[in-house]
């Protein structure tokens, strides 16, 4: 069957979504929402969500792209705490988990995140290194950057064996005033 889902506002794992629209298709085993679009925290989402109902508990698979999201607002809503990272974020993700499973511990998959024109707040060690090397703008507690990117690999429940639950590799940063090459040098 087919149909559509529309909501002026929705909440998913403490994240507030606005203007949710998604055509729906089902074959009796899978529910497929494509394209699923909405706005959140100043940015927009477009992607595909598939829910496999043949398993207990059901499992979802998400292929997603976020653009122009306020990173601080997003992270604060997700964690329930003020965040030390701010800027404009974009991300692509291929994630999966059981419906209703705790986040982010149960996530499997990969996400590529980029934050531009941002700041890391109240991280004294980073600010001290920044001041000493004069890599970027910042004061005694904050460090500004032009671009920060990371690939996050979510191993899911029970992996890796050491139980860390989240692996981040690699992280690249380009501080304000840095060149576009591999080195971080102050211009000017």
C-alpha atoms as a PDB file:
ATOM      1  CA  UNK A   1       0.000   0.000   0.000  1.00  0.00           C
ATOM      2  CA  UNK A   2       0.896   3.657  -0.209  1.00  0.00           C
ATOM      3  CA  UNK A   3       0.161   6.817   1.699  1.00  0.00           C
ATOM      4  CA  UNK A   4       1.919   9.770   3.249  1.00  0.00           C
ATOM      5  CA  UNK A   5       2.923  11.129   6.615  1.00  0.00           C
ATOM      6  CA  UNK A   6       2.718  14.834   7.396  1.00  0.00           C
ATOM      7  CA  UNK A   7       3.237  16.595  10.698  1.00  0.00           C
ATOM      8  CA  UNK A   8       3.763  20.242  11.554  1.00  0.00           C
ATOM      9  CA  UNK A   9       5.945  19.128  14.473  1.00  0.00           C
ATOM     10  CA  UNK A  10       7.320  15.758  15.590  1.00  0.00           C
ATOM     11  CA  UNK A  11       9.772  14.554  18.240  1.00  0.00           C
ATOM     12  CA  UNK A  12      12.275  11.748  17.621  1.00  0.00           C
ATOM     13  CA  UNK A  13      14.653  10.830  20.456  1.00  0.00           C
ATOM     14  CA  UNK A  14      14.320  14.348  21.971  1.00  0.00           C
ATOM     15  CA  UNK A  15      14.967  16.055  18.610  1.00  0.00           C
ATOM     16  CA  UNK A  16      12.261  18.464  17.410  1.00  0.00           C
ATOM     17  CA  UNK A  17      11.419  18.115  13.725  1.00  0.00           C
ATOM     18  CA  UNK A  18       9.321  20.690  11.868  1.00  0.00           C
ATOM     19  CA  UNK A  19       7.361  20.295   8.633  1.00  0.00           C
ATOM     20  CA  UNK A  20       7.808  16.519   8.409  1.00  0.00           C
ATOM     21  CA  UNK A  21       6.661  15.109   5.074  1.00  0.00           C
ATOM     22  CA  UNK A  22       7.216  11.596   3.785  1.00  0.00           C
ATOM     23  CA  UNK A  23       5.458   9.453   1.189  1.00  0.00           C
ATOM     24  CA  UNK A  24       4.913   5.956   2.639  1.00  0.00           C
ATOM     25  CA  UNK A  25       5.060   2.587   0.901  1.00  0.00           C
ATOM     26  CA  UNK A  26       4.641  -0.839   2.426  1.00  0.00           C
ATOM     27  CA  UNK A  27       4.814  -4.386   1.146  1.00  0.00           C
ATOM     28  CA  UNK A  28       3.476  -5.800   4.414  1.00  0.00           C
ATOM     29  CA  UNK A  29       6.967  -6.446   5.755  1.00  0.00           C
ATOM     30  CA  UNK A  30       8.767  -3.143   5.250  1.00  0.00           C
ATOM     31  CA  UNK A  31       7.572   0.420   5.754  1.00  0.00           C
ATOM     32  CA  UNK A  32       9.489   2.822   3.535  1.00  0.00           C
ATOM     33  CA  UNK A  33       9.411   6.602   3.943  1.00  0.00           C
ATOM     34  CA  UNK A  34      11.046   8.263   0.934  1.00  0.00           C
ATOM     35  CA  UNK A  35      11.913  11.040   0.628  1.00  0.00           C
ATOM     36  CA  UNK A  36      11.541  11.953   4.300  1.00  0.00           C
ATOM     37  CA  UNK A  37      11.999  15.717   4.595  1.00  0.00           C
ATOM     38  CA  UNK A  38      11.841  18.120   7.522  1.00  0.00           C
ATOM     39  CA  UNK A  39      13.634  21.068   9.074  1.00  0.00           C
ATOM     40  CA  UNK A  40      15.410  21.146  12.419  1.00  0.00           C
ATOM     41  CA  UNK A  41      17.552  23.663  14.295  1.00  0.00           C
ATOM     42  CA  UNK A  42      17.874  26.007  11.324  1.00  0.00           C
ATOM     43  CA  UNK A  43      18.732  23.300   8.782  1.00  0.00           C
ATOM     44  CA  UNK A  44      17.060  20.700   6.612  1.00  0.00           C
ATOM     45  CA  UNK A  45      16.922  16.927   6.234  1.00  0.00           C
ATOM     46  CA  UNK A  46      16.287  14.694   3.235  1.00  0.00           C
ATOM     47  CA  UNK A  47      16.582  10.947   3.326  1.00  0.00           C
ATOM     48  CA  UNK A  48      15.049   7.488   3.376  1.00  0.00           C
ATOM     49  CA  UNK A  49      13.803   5.572   6.412  1.00  0.00           C
ATOM     50  CA  UNK A  50      12.911   1.874   6.138  1.00  0.00           C
ATOM     51  CA  UNK A  51      11.396  -0.098   9.026  1.00  0.00           C
ATOM     52  CA  UNK A  52      11.661  -3.918   8.822  1.00  0.00           C
ATOM     53  CA  UNK A  53       8.597  -5.319  10.607  1.00  0.00           C
ATOM     54  CA  UNK A  54       9.585  -8.983  10.080  1.00  0.00           C
ATOM     55  CA  UNK A  55      11.862  -8.904  13.148  1.00  0.00           C
ATOM     56  CA  UNK A  56      11.128  -8.564  16.833  1.00  0.00           C
ATOM     57  CA  UNK A  57      11.901  -5.913  17.730  1.00  0.00           C
ATOM     58  CA  UNK A  58      11.467  -4.189  14.393  1.00  0.00           C
ATOM     59  CA  UNK A  59      14.616  -2.563  12.973  1.00  0.00           C
ATOM     60  CA  UNK A  60      15.030   0.710  11.147  1.00  0.00           C
ATOM     61  CA  UNK A  61      17.579   1.745   8.513  1.00  0.00           C
ATOM     62  CA  UNK A  62      18.206   5.414   7.739  1.00  0.00           C
ATOM     63  CA  UNK A  63      20.069   6.959   4.808  1.00  0.00           C
ATOM     64  CA  UNK A  64      20.141  10.649   5.579  1.00  0.00           C
ATOM     65  CA  UNK A  65      21.555  14.046   4.672  1.00  0.00           C
ATOM     66  CA  UNK A  66      21.398  17.085   6.974  1.00  0.00           C
ATOM     67  CA  UNK A  67      22.462  20.562   5.881  1.00  0.00           C
ATOM     68  CA  UNK A  68      22.751  23.924   7.632  1.00  0.00           C
ATOM     69  CA  UNK A  69      21.969  22.703  11.163  1.00  0.00           C
ATOM     70  CA  UNK A  70      22.939  24.757  14.237  1.00  0.00           C
ATOM     71  CA  UNK A  71      25.344  22.270  15.854  1.00  0.00           C
ATOM     72  CA  UNK A  72      25.011  23.663  19.389  1.00  0.00           C
ATOM     73  CA  UNK A  73      21.196  23.551  19.379  1.00  0.00           C
ATOM     74  CA  UNK A  74      21.161  20.055  17.863  1.00  0.00           C
ATOM     75  CA  UNK A  75      23.672  18.631  20.339  1.00  0.00           C
ATOM     76  CA  UNK A  76      21.945  20.318  23.298  1.00  0.00           C
ATOM     77  CA  UNK A  77      18.579  18.829  22.285  1.00  0.00           C
ATOM     78  CA  UNK A  78      20.120  15.395  21.755  1.00  0.00           C
ATOM     79  CA  UNK A  79      22.039  15.329  25.042  1.00  0.00           C
ATOM     80  CA  UNK A  80      19.861  17.527  27.250  1.00  0.00           C
ATOM     81  CA  UNK A  81      22.910  19.647  28.218  1.00  0.00           C
ATOM     82  CA  UNK A  82      24.625  22.796  27.049  1.00  0.00           C
ATOM     83  CA  UNK A  83      27.306  22.017  24.477  1.00  0.00           C
ATOM     84  CA  UNK A  84      30.842  23.266  24.008  1.00  0.00           C
ATOM     85  CA  UNK A  85      30.755  22.977  20.218  1.00  0.00           C
ATOM     86  CA  UNK A  86      28.906  25.399  18.010  1.00  0.00           C
ATOM     87  CA  UNK A  87      28.817  26.193  14.303  1.00  0.00           C
ATOM     88  CA  UNK A  88      26.879  25.227  11.189  1.00  0.00           C
ATOM     89  CA  UNK A  89      26.775  21.467  10.645  1.00  0.00           C
ATOM     90  CA  UNK A  90      26.108  19.188   7.704  1.00  0.00           C
ATOM     91  CA  UNK A  91      26.101  15.401   7.812  1.00  0.00           C
ATOM     92  CA  UNK A  92      25.481  12.296   5.769  1.00  0.00           C
ATOM     93  CA  UNK A  93      24.593   9.084   7.544  1.00  0.00           C
ATOM     94  CA  UNK A  94      23.818   5.430   6.952  1.00  0.00           C
ATOM     95  CA  UNK A  95      22.548   4.184  10.320  1.00  0.00           C
ATOM     96  CA  UNK A  96      20.454   1.317  11.697  1.00  0.00           C
ATOM     97  CA  UNK A  97      19.143   0.077  15.041  1.00  0.00           C
ATOM     98  CA  UNK A  98      16.247  -1.686  16.704  1.00  0.00           C
ATOM     99  CA  UNK A  99      13.071   0.372  17.154  1.00  0.00           C
ATOM    100  CA  UNK A 100      13.007   1.766  20.693  1.00  0.00           C
ATOM    101  CA  UNK A 101      16.634   0.823  21.460  1.00  0.00           C
ATOM    102  CA  UNK A 102      18.660   3.352  23.497  1.00  0.00           C
ATOM    103  CA  UNK A 103      20.623   5.924  21.546  1.00  0.00           C
ATOM    104  CA  UNK A 104      23.436   6.180  20.662  1.00  0.00           C
ATOM    105  CA  UNK A 105      24.622   2.872  22.205  1.00  0.00           C
ATOM    106  CA  UNK A 106      22.524   0.744  19.854  1.00  0.00           C
ATOM    107  CA  UNK A 107      23.433   2.563  16.636  1.00  0.00           C
ATOM    108  CA  UNK A 108      25.233   0.734  13.854  1.00  0.00           C
ATOM    109  CA  UNK A 109      26.624   2.412  10.769  1.00  0.00           C
ATOM    110  CA  UNK A 110      28.594   5.466   9.754  1.00  0.00           C
ATOM    111  CA  UNK A 111      28.128   9.214   9.815  1.00  0.00           C
ATOM    112  CA  UNK A 112      30.247  11.888   8.181  1.00  0.00           C
ATOM    113  CA  UNK A 113      29.940  15.270   9.939  1.00  0.00           C
ATOM    114  CA  UNK A 114      31.318  18.685   8.974  1.00  0.00           C
ATOM    115  CA  UNK A 115      30.997  21.813  11.109  1.00  0.00           C
ATOM    116  CA  UNK A 116      31.991  25.171   9.624  1.00  0.00           C
ATOM    117  CA  UNK A 117      32.593  28.596  11.171  1.00  0.00           C
ATOM    118  CA  UNK A 118      32.515  27.138  14.641  1.00  0.00           C
ATOM    119  CA  UNK A 119      33.877  27.433  18.110  1.00  0.00           C
ATOM    120  CA  UNK A 120      34.954  24.978  20.793  1.00  0.00           C
ATOM    121  CA  UNK A 121      34.009  26.602  24.070  1.00  0.00           C
ATOM    122  CA  UNK A 122      35.591  26.199  27.490  1.00  0.00           C
ATOM    123  CA  UNK A 123      38.225  23.631  26.526  1.00  0.00           C
ATOM    124  CA  UNK A 124      41.248  25.197  28.302  1.00  0.00           C
ATOM    125  CA  UNK A 125      43.859  22.726  27.006  1.00  0.00           C
ATOM    126  CA  UNK A 126      42.882  23.360  23.375  1.00  0.00           C
ATOM    127  CA  UNK A 127      42.747  27.122  23.987  1.00  0.00           C
ATOM    128  CA  UNK A 128      46.237  27.047  25.590  1.00  0.00           C
ATOM    129  CA  UNK A 129      47.701  25.128  22.636  1.00  0.00           C
ATOM    130  CA  UNK A 130      45.962  27.514  20.251  1.00  0.00           C
ATOM    131  CA  UNK A 131      47.367  30.608  22.024  1.00  0.00           C
ATOM    132  CA  UNK A 132      50.876  29.143  22.191  1.00  0.00           C
ATOM    133  CA  UNK A 133      50.975  28.204  18.503  1.00  0.00           C
ATOM    134  CA  UNK A 134      48.815  31.130  17.309  1.00  0.00           C
ATOM    135  CA  UNK A 135      46.853  28.864  14.991  1.00  0.00           C
ATOM    136  CA  UNK A 136      43.404  30.398  15.250  1.00  0.00           C
ATOM    137  CA  UNK A 137      41.280  33.145  16.725  1.00  0.00           C
ATOM    138  CA  UNK A 138      40.110  32.625  20.273  1.00  0.00           C
ATOM    139  CA  UNK A 139      40.323  33.831  23.819  1.00  0.00           C
ATOM    140  CA  UNK A 140      41.560  32.177  26.978  1.00  0.00           C
ATOM    141  CA  UNK A 141      38.783  29.549  27.004  1.00  0.00           C
ATOM    142  CA  UNK A 142      37.455  29.250  23.435  1.00  0.00           C
ATOM    143  CA  UNK A 143      38.942  28.267  20.076  1.00  0.00           C
ATOM    144  CA  UNK A 144      37.360  29.243  16.746  1.00  0.00           C
ATOM    145  CA  UNK A 145      37.704  27.141  13.609  1.00  0.00           C
ATOM    146  CA  UNK A 146      36.734  27.358   9.937  1.00  0.00           C
ATOM    147  CA  UNK A 147      36.079  23.662   9.411  1.00  0.00           C
ATOM    148  CA  UNK A 148      35.945  20.552  11.572  1.00  0.00           C
ATOM    149  CA  UNK A 149      35.120  17.196   9.989  1.00  0.00           C
ATOM    150  CA  UNK A 150      34.893  13.694  11.335  1.00  0.00           C
ATOM    151  CA  UNK A 151      33.730  10.238  10.359  1.00  0.00           C
ATOM    152  CA  UNK A 152      31.888   8.481  13.172  1.00  0.00           C
ATOM    153  CA  UNK A 153      31.611   4.695  13.102  1.00  0.00           C
ATOM    154  CA  UNK A 154      28.885   3.266  15.325  1.00  0.00           C
ATOM    155  CA  UNK A 155      29.559  -0.409  16.067  1.00  0.00           C
ATOM    156  CA  UNK A 156      26.223  -1.233  17.745  1.00  0.00           C
ATOM    157  CA  UNK A 157      25.542  -3.164  20.918  1.00  0.00           C
ATOM    158  CA  UNK A 158      28.292  -5.511  22.026  1.00  0.00           C
ATOM    159  CA  UNK A 159      30.963  -4.195  19.677  1.00  0.00           C
ATOM    160  CA  UNK A 160      33.833  -3.440  19.819  1.00  0.00           C
ATOM    161  CA  UNK A 161      35.013  -5.993  22.377  1.00  0.00           C
ATOM    162  CA  UNK A 162      36.308  -3.274  24.717  1.00  0.00           C
ATOM    163  CA  UNK A 163      32.771  -1.878  24.970  1.00  0.00           C
ATOM    164  CA  UNK A 164      33.618   1.711  24.044  1.00  0.00           C
ATOM    165  CA  UNK A 165      30.514   1.886  21.876  1.00  0.00           C
ATOM    166  CA  UNK A 166      31.659   4.701  19.584  1.00  0.00           C
ATOM    167  CA  UNK A 167      34.717   5.096  17.409  1.00  0.00           C
ATOM    168  CA  UNK A 168      35.690   8.376  15.785  1.00  0.00           C
ATOM    169  CA  UNK A 169      38.194   8.428  12.927  1.00  0.00           C
ATOM    170  CA  UNK A 170      39.729  10.662  11.592  1.00  0.00           C
ATOM    171  CA  UNK A 171      39.061  14.183  12.794  1.00  0.00           C
ATOM    172  CA  UNK A 172      40.302  17.058  10.650  1.00  0.00           C
ATOM    173  CA  UNK A 173      40.282  20.673  11.736  1.00  0.00           C
ATOM    174  CA  UNK A 174      41.159  23.862   9.910  1.00  0.00           C
ATOM    175  CA  UNK A 175      41.527  26.705  12.408  1.00  0.00           C
ATOM    176  CA  UNK A 176      40.638  30.266  11.424  1.00  0.00           C
ATOM    177  CA  UNK A 177      43.595  31.737   9.620  1.00  0.00           C
ATOM    178  CA  UNK A 178      45.005  28.336   8.635  1.00  0.00           C
ATOM    179  CA  UNK A 179      46.064  27.327   5.155  1.00  0.00           C
ATOM    180  CA  UNK A 180      44.150  24.768   3.113  1.00  0.00           C
ATOM    181  CA  UNK A 181      46.955  22.197   3.195  1.00  0.00           C
ATOM    182  CA  UNK A 182      47.763  19.548   5.757  1.00  0.00           C
ATOM    183  CA  UNK A 183      49.715  21.976   7.919  1.00  0.00           C
ATOM    184  CA  UNK A 184      48.159  24.485  10.251  1.00  0.00           C
ATOM    185  CA  UNK A 185      50.083  27.709   9.764  1.00  0.00           C
ATOM    186  CA  UNK A 186      49.091  31.256  10.522  1.00  0.00           C
ATOM    187  CA  UNK A 187      48.769  33.484   7.476  1.00  0.00           C
ATOM    188  CA  UNK A 188      49.833  37.034   7.407  1.00  0.00           C
END
